Amino acid sequence: MFLGMCAWLSYDYKIISNRETGKGRADIILESLADKPSYVMEFKYTKDKEKLDTLAKEAIQQIKAQQYDISLKGQVICRDSSLW
């Protein structure tokens, strides 16, 4: 669903979904086509609200450990999207 919401960004970003990059597969990468920051997003899900912060930290660690941003230039913003 989020990928579809990103479609309107296609003029400013190359939208990459679940493609191998670095040492794994990032959920969504928005690679800047202009002078804007790029974004790396990793999605996690839990029904336990107490685990939300832990999952958010794990998502950021996963992005860094798997080097999902290795091919991106300029400013890169890493986000987790943990849901409960």
PDB file of N, CA and C in Angstrom:
ATOM      1  N   MET A   1       0.821  -1.179   0.000  1.00  0.00           N
ATOM      2  CA  MET A   1       0.000   0.000   0.000  1.00  0.00           C
ATOM      3  C   MET A   1       0.877   1.260   0.000  1.00  0.00           C
ATOM      4  N   PHE A   2       1.899   1.265   0.845  1.00  0.00           N
ATOM      5  CA  PHE A   2       2.766   2.442   0.918  1.00  0.00           C
ATOM      6  C   PHE A   2       3.480   2.670  -0.407  1.00  0.00           C
ATOM      7  N   LEU A   3       3.826   1.598  -1.072  1.00  0.00           N
ATOM      8  CA  LEU A   3       4.499   1.720  -2.364  1.00  0.00           C
ATOM      9  C   LEU A   3       3.617   2.481  -3.350  1.00  0.00           C
ATOM     10  N   GLY A   4       2.335   2.172  -3.374  1.00  0.00           N
ATOM     11  CA  GLY A   4       1.403   2.896  -4.232  1.00  0.00           C
ATOM     12  C   GLY A   4       1.308   4.357  -3.871  1.00  0.00           C
ATOM     13  N   MET A   5       1.403   4.671  -2.590  1.00  0.00           N
ATOM     14  CA  MET A   5       1.355   6.058  -2.136  1.00  0.00           C
ATOM     15  C   MET A   5       2.593   6.827  -2.593  1.00  0.00           C
ATOM     16  N   CYS A   6       3.684   6.115  -2.829  1.00  0.00           N
ATOM     17  CA  CYS A   6       4.927   6.761  -3.266  1.00  0.00           C
ATOM     18  C   CYS A   6       4.920   7.089  -4.754  1.00  0.00           C
ATOM     19  N   ALA A   7       3.956   6.543  -5.504  1.00  0.00           N
ATOM     20  CA  ALA A   7       3.945   6.698  -6.963  1.00  0.00           C
ATOM     21  C   ALA A   7       3.975   8.166  -7.394  1.00  0.00           C
ATOM     22  N   TRP A   8       3.328   9.039  -6.665  1.00  0.00           N
ATOM     23  CA  TRP A   8       3.303  10.456  -7.052  1.00  0.00           C
ATOM     24  C   TRP A   8       4.668  11.128  -6.887  1.00  0.00           C
ATOM     25  N   LEU A   9       5.611  10.445  -6.276  1.00  0.00           N
ATOM     26  CA  LEU A   9       6.961  10.991  -6.106  1.00  0.00           C
ATOM     27  C   LEU A   9       7.874  10.676  -7.287  1.00  0.00           C
ATOM     28  N   SER A  10       7.370   9.990  -8.296  1.00  0.00           N
ATOM     29  CA  SER A  10       8.220   9.474  -9.371  1.00  0.00           C
ATOM     30  C   SER A  10       8.922  10.551 -10.197  1.00  0.00           C
ATOM     31  N   TYR A  11       8.497  11.790 -10.119  1.00  0.00           N
ATOM     32  CA  TYR A  11       9.201  12.860 -10.838  1.00  0.00           C
ATOM     33  C   TYR A  11      10.486  13.284 -10.128  1.00  0.00           C
ATOM     34  N   ASP A  12      10.507  13.111  -8.812  1.00  0.00           N
ATOM     35  CA  ASP A  12      11.670  13.524  -8.027  1.00  0.00           C
ATOM     36  C   ASP A  12      12.510  12.361  -7.499  1.00  0.00           C
ATOM     37  N   TYR A  13      11.943  11.150  -7.529  1.00  0.00           N
ATOM     38  CA  TYR A  13      12.622   9.995  -6.935  1.00  0.00           C
ATOM     39  C   TYR A  13      12.496   8.762  -7.820  1.00  0.00           C
ATOM     40  N   LYS A  14      13.546   7.960  -7.808  1.00  0.00           N
ATOM     41  CA  LYS A  14      13.475   6.616  -8.373  1.00  0.00           C
ATOM     42  C   LYS A  14      12.974   5.731  -7.232  1.00  0.00           C
ATOM     43  N   ILE A  15      11.863   5.064  -7.441  1.00  0.00           N
ATOM     44  CA  ILE A  15      11.243   4.260  -6.385  1.00  0.00           C
ATOM     45  C   ILE A  15      11.709   2.820  -6.543  1.00  0.00           C
ATOM     46  N   ILE A  16      12.380   2.320  -5.524  1.00  0.00           N
ATOM     47  CA  ILE A  16      12.951   0.971  -5.544  1.00  0.00           C
ATOM     48  C   ILE A  16      12.284   0.166  -4.439  1.00  0.00           C
ATOM     49  N   SER A  17      11.663  -0.951  -4.805  1.00  0.00           N
ATOM     50  CA  SER A  17      10.951  -1.768  -3.830  1.00  0.00           C
ATOM     51  C   SER A  17      11.510  -3.182  -3.802  1.00  0.00           C
ATOM     52  N   ASN A  18      11.962  -3.593  -2.631  1.00  0.00           N
ATOM     53  CA  ASN A  18      12.393  -4.965  -2.388  1.00  0.00           C
ATOM     54  C   ASN A  18      13.443  -5.450  -3.382  1.00  0.00           C
ATOM     55  N   ARG A  19      14.283  -4.546  -3.845  1.00  0.00           N
ATOM     56  CA  ARG A  19      15.363  -4.904  -4.751  1.00  0.00           C
ATOM     57  C   ARG A  19      16.642  -5.095  -3.949  1.00  0.00           C
ATOM     58  N   GLU A  20      17.443  -6.046  -4.352  1.00  0.00           N
ATOM     59  CA  GLU A  20      18.684  -6.324  -3.641  1.00  0.00           C
ATOM     60  C   GLU A  20      19.621  -5.133  -3.742  1.00  0.00           C
ATOM     61  N   THR A  21      20.095  -4.703  -2.596  1.00  0.00           N
ATOM     62  CA  THR A  21      21.051  -3.604  -2.516  1.00  0.00           C
ATOM     63  C   THR A  21      21.902  -3.823  -1.278  1.00  0.00           C
ATOM     64  N   GLY A  22      23.171  -3.495  -1.348  1.00  0.00           N
ATOM     65  CA  GLY A  22      24.043  -3.755  -0.207  1.00  0.00           C
ATOM     66  C   GLY A  22      24.123  -5.254   0.035  1.00  0.00           C
ATOM     67  N   LYS A  23      23.779  -5.685   1.246  1.00  0.00           N
ATOM     68  CA  LYS A  23      23.852  -7.099   1.611  1.00  0.00           C
ATOM     69  C   LYS A  23      22.468  -7.718   1.797  1.00  0.00           C
ATOM     70  N   GLY A  24      21.449  -7.109   1.214  1.00  0.00           N
ATOM     71  CA  GLY A  24      20.112  -7.655   1.394  1.00  0.00           C
ATOM     72  C   GLY A  24      19.095  -6.921   0.538  1.00  0.00           C
ATOM     73  N   ARG A  25      17.849  -6.912   1.001  1.00  0.00           N
ATOM     74  CA  ARG A  25      16.748  -6.279   0.271  1.00  0.00           C
ATOM     75  C   ARG A  25      16.038  -5.282   1.180  1.00  0.00           C
ATOM     76  N   ALA A  26      16.118  -4.023   0.813  1.00  0.00           N
ATOM     77  CA  ALA A  26      15.406  -2.983   1.561  1.00  0.00           C
ATOM     78  C   ALA A  26      13.942  -2.998   1.137  1.00  0.00           C
ATOM     79  N   ASP A  27      13.033  -2.650   2.048  1.00  0.00           N
ATOM     80  CA  ASP A  27      11.614  -2.624   1.705  1.00  0.00           C
ATOM     81  C   ASP A  27      11.322  -1.558   0.656  1.00  0.00           C
ATOM     82  N   ILE A  28      11.688  -0.323   0.918  1.00  0.00           N
ATOM     83  CA  ILE A  28      11.491   0.755  -0.059  1.00  0.00           C
ATOM     84  C   ILE A  28      12.671   1.721   0.013  1.00  0.00           C
ATOM     85  N   ILE A  29      13.190   2.079  -1.150  1.00  0.00           N
ATOM     86  CA  ILE A  29      14.215   3.112  -1.258  1.00  0.00           C
ATOM     87  C   ILE A  29      13.676   4.172  -2.201  1.00  0.00           C
ATOM     88  N   LEU A  30      13.742   5.405  -1.783  1.00  0.00           N
ATOM     89  CA  LEU A  30      13.415   6.536  -2.638  1.00  0.00           C
ATOM     90  C   LEU A  30      14.737   7.223  -2.963  1.00  0.00           C
ATOM     91  N   GLU A  31      15.254   6.955  -4.160  1.00  0.00           N
ATOM     92  CA  GLU A  31      16.537   7.514  -4.579  1.00  0.00           C
ATOM     93  C   GLU A  31      16.297   8.853  -5.269  1.00  0.00           C
ATOM     94  N   SER A  32      16.889   9.882  -4.742  1.00  0.00           N
ATOM     95  CA  SER A  32      16.688  11.236  -5.251  1.00  0.00           C
ATOM     96  C   SER A  32      17.202  11.378  -6.677  1.00  0.00           C
ATOM     97  N   LEU A  33      16.382  12.001  -7.524  1.00  0.00           N
ATOM     98  CA  LEU A  33      16.792  12.314  -8.893  1.00  0.00           C
ATOM     99  C   LEU A  33      17.253  13.766  -9.010  1.00  0.00           C
ATOM    100  N   ALA A  34      17.063  14.514  -7.947  1.00  0.00           N
ATOM    101  CA  ALA A  34      17.435  15.932  -7.935  1.00  0.00           C
ATOM    102  C   ALA A  34      18.273  16.194  -6.688  1.00  0.00           C
ATOM    103  N   ASP A  35      18.358  17.416  -6.286  1.00  0.00           N
ATOM    104  CA  ASP A  35      19.144  17.800  -5.116  1.00  0.00           C
ATOM    105  C   ASP A  35      18.278  17.716  -3.852  1.00  0.00           C
ATOM    106  N   LYS A  36      17.837  16.508  -3.543  1.00  0.00           N
ATOM    107  CA  LYS A  36      16.999  16.251  -2.368  1.00  0.00           C
ATOM    108  C   LYS A  36      17.572  15.038  -1.654  1.00  0.00           C
ATOM    109  N   PRO A  37      17.208  14.832  -0.394  1.00  0.00           N
ATOM    110  CA  PRO A  37      17.699  13.638   0.292  1.00  0.00           C
ATOM    111  C   PRO A  37      17.031  12.375  -0.257  1.00  0.00           C
ATOM    112  N   SER A  38      17.744  11.263  -0.187  1.00  0.00           N
ATOM    113  CA  SER A  38      17.190   9.950  -0.507  1.00  0.00           C
ATOM    114  C   SER A  38      16.694   9.321   0.792  1.00  0.00           C
ATOM    115  N   TYR A  39      15.787   8.353   0.675  1.00  0.00           N
ATOM    116  CA  TYR A  39      15.189   7.719   1.856  1.00  0.00           C
ATOM    117  C   TYR A  39      15.289   6.209   1.737  1.00  0.00           C
ATOM    118  N   VAL A  40      15.611   5.559   2.876  1.00  0.00           N
ATOM    119  CA  VAL A  40      15.593   4.106   2.972  1.00  0.00           C
ATOM    120  C   VAL A  40      14.584   3.762   4.055  1.00  0.00           C
ATOM    121  N   MET A  41      13.606   2.896   3.718  1.00  0.00           N
ATOM    122  CA  MET A  41      12.555   2.544   4.679  1.00  0.00           C
ATOM    123  C   MET A  41      12.492   1.042   4.888  1.00  0.00           C
ATOM    124  N   GLU A  42      12.378   0.657   6.122  1.00  0.00           N
ATOM    125  CA  GLU A  42      12.253  -0.745   6.503  1.00  0.00           C
ATOM    126  C   GLU A  42      10.997  -0.875   7.351  1.00  0.00           C
ATOM    127  N   PHE A  43      10.099  -1.770   6.963  1.00  0.00           N
ATOM    128  CA  PHE A  43       8.822  -1.927   7.653  1.00  0.00           C
ATOM    129  C   PHE A  43       8.858  -3.115   8.610  1.00  0.00           C
ATOM    130  N   LYS A  44       8.295  -2.920   9.769  1.00  0.00           N
ATOM    131  CA  LYS A  44       8.147  -3.971  10.778  1.00  0.00           C
ATOM    132  C   LYS A  44       6.707  -3.951  11.276  1.00  0.00           C
ATOM    133  N   TYR A  45       6.242  -5.076  11.786  1.00  0.00           N
ATOM    134  CA  TYR A  45       4.874  -5.170  12.275  1.00  0.00           C
ATOM    135  C   TYR A  45       4.847  -5.898  13.609  1.00  0.00           C
ATOM    136  N   THR A  46       4.019  -5.423  14.520  1.00  0.00           N
ATOM    137  CA  THR A  46       3.790  -6.106  15.786  1.00  0.00           C
ATOM    138  C   THR A  46       2.408  -5.757  16.296  1.00  0.00           C
ATOM    139  N   LYS A  47       1.840  -6.670  17.040  1.00  0.00           N
ATOM    140  CA  LYS A  47       0.567  -6.393  17.716  1.00  0.00           C
ATOM    141  C   LYS A  47       0.815  -5.926  19.146  1.00  0.00           C
ATOM    142  N   ASP A  48       2.074  -6.027  19.569  1.00  0.00           N
ATOM    143  CA  ASP A  48       2.462  -5.660  20.930  1.00  0.00           C
ATOM    144  C   ASP A  48       3.039  -4.247  20.940  1.00  0.00           C
ATOM    145  N   LYS A  49       2.278  -3.299  21.429  1.00  0.00           N
ATOM    146  CA  LYS A  49       2.693  -1.892  21.449  1.00  0.00           C
ATOM    147  C   LYS A  49       3.992  -1.687  22.219  1.00  0.00           C
ATOM    148  N   GLU A  50       4.255  -2.539  23.203  1.00  0.00           N
ATOM    149  CA  GLU A  50       5.466  -2.418  24.020  1.00  0.00           C
ATOM    150  C   GLU A  50       6.731  -2.713  23.207  1.00  0.00           C
ATOM    151  N   LYS A  51       6.628  -3.499  22.160  1.00  0.00           N
ATOM    152  CA  LYS A  51       7.792  -3.873  21.354  1.00  0.00           C
ATOM    153  C   LYS A  51       8.079  -2.877  20.231  1.00  0.00           C
ATOM    154  N   LEU A  52       7.257  -1.873  20.091  1.00  0.00           N
ATOM    155  CA  LEU A  52       7.364  -0.944  18.968  1.00  0.00           C
ATOM    156  C   LEU A  52       8.713  -0.231  18.911  1.00  0.00           C
ATOM    157  N   ASP A  53       9.173   0.300  20.034  1.00  0.00           N
ATOM    158  CA  ASP A  53      10.468   0.996  20.054  1.00  0.00           C
ATOM    159  C   ASP A  53      11.616   0.048  19.729  1.00  0.00           C
ATOM    160  N   THR A  54      11.538  -1.170  20.237  1.00  0.00           N
ATOM    161  CA  THR A  54      12.578  -2.160  19.961  1.00  0.00           C
ATOM    162  C   THR A  54      12.635  -2.485  18.478  1.00  0.00           C
ATOM    163  N   LEU A  55      11.467  -2.694  17.872  1.00  0.00           N
ATOM    164  CA  LEU A  55      11.427  -2.986  16.440  1.00  0.00           C
ATOM    165  C   LEU A  55      11.939  -1.815  15.606  1.00  0.00           C
ATOM    166  N   ALA A  56      11.632  -0.601  16.031  1.00  0.00           N
ATOM    167  CA  ALA A  56      12.109   0.581  15.312  1.00  0.00           C
ATOM    168  C   ALA A  56      13.636   0.631  15.328  1.00  0.00           C
ATOM    169  N   LYS A  57      14.235   0.358  16.469  1.00  0.00           N
ATOM    170  CA  LYS A  57      15.695   0.354  16.577  1.00  0.00           C
ATOM    171  C   LYS A  57      16.303  -0.777  15.746  1.00  0.00           C
ATOM    172  N   GLU A  58      15.636  -1.940  15.746  1.00  0.00           N
ATOM    173  CA  GLU A  58      16.117  -3.064  14.944  1.00  0.00           C
ATOM    174  C   GLU A  58      16.073  -2.743  13.456  1.00  0.00           C
ATOM    175  N   ALA A  59      15.041  -2.029  13.024  1.00  0.00           N
ATOM    176  CA  ALA A  59      14.922  -1.661  11.614  1.00  0.00           C
ATOM    177  C   ALA A  59      16.075  -0.756  11.197  1.00  0.00           C
ATOM    178  N   ILE A  60      16.392   0.233  12.012  1.00  0.00           N
ATOM    179  CA  ILE A  60      17.508   1.135  11.699  1.00  0.00           C
ATOM    180  C   ILE A  60      18.828   0.368  11.696  1.00  0.00           C
ATOM    181  N   GLN A  61      19.021  -0.530  12.666  1.00  0.00           N
ATOM    182  CA  GLN A  61      20.239  -1.346  12.703  1.00  0.00           C
ATOM    183  C   GLN A  61      20.336  -2.236  11.465  1.00  0.00           C
ATOM    184  N   GLN A  62      19.210  -2.782  11.026  1.00  0.00           N
ATOM    185  CA  GLN A  62      19.189  -3.624   9.827  1.00  0.00           C
ATOM    186  C   GLN A  62      19.594  -2.824   8.595  1.00  0.00           C
ATOM    187  N   ILE A  63      19.071  -1.620   8.459  1.00  0.00           N
ATOM    188  CA  ILE A  63      19.417  -0.766   7.321  1.00  0.00           C
ATOM    189  C   ILE A  63      20.921  -0.503   7.297  1.00  0.00           C
ATOM    190  N   LYS A  64      21.489  -0.214   8.449  1.00  0.00           N
ATOM    191  CA  LYS A  64      22.921   0.083   8.523  1.00  0.00           C
ATOM    192  C   LYS A  64      23.771  -1.168   8.325  1.00  0.00           C
ATOM    193  N   ALA A  65      23.402  -2.274   8.983  1.00  0.00           N
ATOM    194  CA  ALA A  65      24.182  -3.513   8.893  1.00  0.00           C
ATOM    195  C   ALA A  65      24.156  -4.097   7.486  1.00  0.00           C
ATOM    196  N   GLN A  66      23.023  -4.012   6.826  1.00  0.00           N
ATOM    197  CA  GLN A  66      22.883  -4.566   5.482  1.00  0.00           C
ATOM    198  C   GLN A  66      23.302  -3.575   4.390  1.00  0.00           C
ATOM    199  N   GLN A  67      23.675  -2.380   4.792  1.00  0.00           N
ATOM    200  CA  GLN A  67      24.178  -1.338   3.880  1.00  0.00           C
ATOM    201  C   GLN A  67      23.217  -1.076   2.717  1.00  0.00           C
ATOM    202  N   TYR A  68      21.935  -0.926   3.033  1.00  0.00           N
ATOM    203  CA  TYR A  68      20.931  -0.660   2.007  1.00  0.00           C
ATOM    204  C   TYR A  68      21.172   0.673   1.298  1.00  0.00           C
ATOM    205  N   ASP A  69      21.922   1.550   1.918  1.00  0.00           N
ATOM    206  CA  ASP A  69      22.167   2.878   1.353  1.00  0.00           C
ATOM    207  C   ASP A  69      23.483   2.975   0.576  1.00  0.00           C
ATOM    208  N   ILE A  70      24.136   1.870   0.339  1.00  0.00           N
ATOM    209  CA  ILE A  70      25.491   1.878  -0.212  1.00  0.00           C
ATOM    210  C   ILE A  70      25.581   2.556  -1.590  1.00  0.00           C
ATOM    211  N   SER A  71      24.557   2.459  -2.403  1.00  0.00           N
ATOM    212  CA  SER A  71      24.627   3.028  -3.755  1.00  0.00           C
ATOM    213  C   SER A  71      24.048   4.444  -3.842  1.00  0.00           C
ATOM    214  N   LEU A  72      23.556   4.963  -2.733  1.00  0.00           N
ATOM    215  CA  LEU A  72      22.921   6.282  -2.747  1.00  0.00           C
ATOM    216  C   LEU A  72      23.954   7.379  -2.541  1.00  0.00           C
ATOM    217  N   LYS A  73      23.749   8.508  -3.212  1.00  0.00           N
ATOM    218  CA  LYS A  73      24.657   9.650  -3.085  1.00  0.00           C
ATOM    219  C   LYS A  73      23.950  10.778  -2.358  1.00  0.00           C
ATOM    220  N   GLY A  74      24.717  11.646  -1.743  1.00  0.00           N
ATOM    221  CA  GLY A  74      24.139  12.783  -1.037  1.00  0.00           C
ATOM    222  C   GLY A  74      23.568  12.374   0.312  1.00  0.00           C
ATOM    223  N   GLN A  75      22.664  13.182   0.802  1.00  0.00           N
ATOM    224  CA  GLN A  75      22.058  12.942   2.108  1.00  0.00           C
ATOM    225  C   GLN A  75      21.094  11.758   2.025  1.00  0.00           C
ATOM    226  N   VAL A  76      21.209  10.841   2.993  1.00  0.00           N
ATOM    227  CA  VAL A  76      20.323   9.676   3.057  1.00  0.00           C
ATOM    228  C   VAL A  76      19.642   9.684   4.423  1.00  0.00           C
ATOM    229  N   ILE A  77      18.328   9.551   4.407  1.00  0.00           N
ATOM    230  CA  ILE A  77      17.554   9.502   5.637  1.00  0.00           C
ATOM    231  C   ILE A  77      17.006   8.095   5.777  1.00  0.00           C
ATOM    232  N   CYS A  78      17.286   7.462   6.912  1.00  0.00           N
ATOM    233  CA  CYS A  78      16.807   6.100   7.177  1.00  0.00           C
ATOM    234  C   CYS A  78      15.631   6.173   8.123  1.00  0.00           C
ATOM    235  N   ARG A  79      14.555   5.507   7.754  1.00  0.00           N
ATOM    236  CA  ARG A  79      13.341   5.537   8.571  1.00  0.00           C
ATOM    237  C   ARG A  79      12.854   4.113   8.795  1.00  0.00           C
ATOM    238  N   ASP A  80      12.303   3.886   9.962  1.00  0.00           N
ATOM    239  CA  ASP A  80      11.579   2.658  10.198  1.00  0.00           C
ATOM    240  C   ASP A  80      10.099   2.999  10.218  1.00  0.00           C
ATOM    241  N   SER A  81       9.311   2.069   9.848  1.00  0.00           N
ATOM    242  CA  SER A  81       7.863   2.275   9.899  1.00  0.00           C
ATOM    243  C   SER A  81       7.260   1.090  10.661  1.00  0.00           C
ATOM    244  N   SER A  82       7.424   1.119  11.961  1.00  0.00           N
ATOM    245  CA  SER A  82       6.900   0.051  12.792  1.00  0.00           C
ATOM    246  C   SER A  82       5.439   0.290  13.074  1.00  0.00           C
ATOM    247  N   LEU A  83       4.650  -0.742  12.896  1.00  0.00           N
ATOM    248  CA  LEU A  83       3.209  -0.643  13.095  1.00  0.00           C
ATOM    249  C   LEU A  83       2.766  -1.575  14.211  1.00  0.00           C
ATOM    250  N   TRP A  84       1.731  -1.202  14.893  1.00  0.00           N
ATOM    251  CA  TRP A  84       1.141  -2.103  15.911  1.00  0.00           C
ATOM    252  C   TRP A  84      -0.327  -2.171  15.724  1.00  0.00           C
TER     253      TRP A  84
END
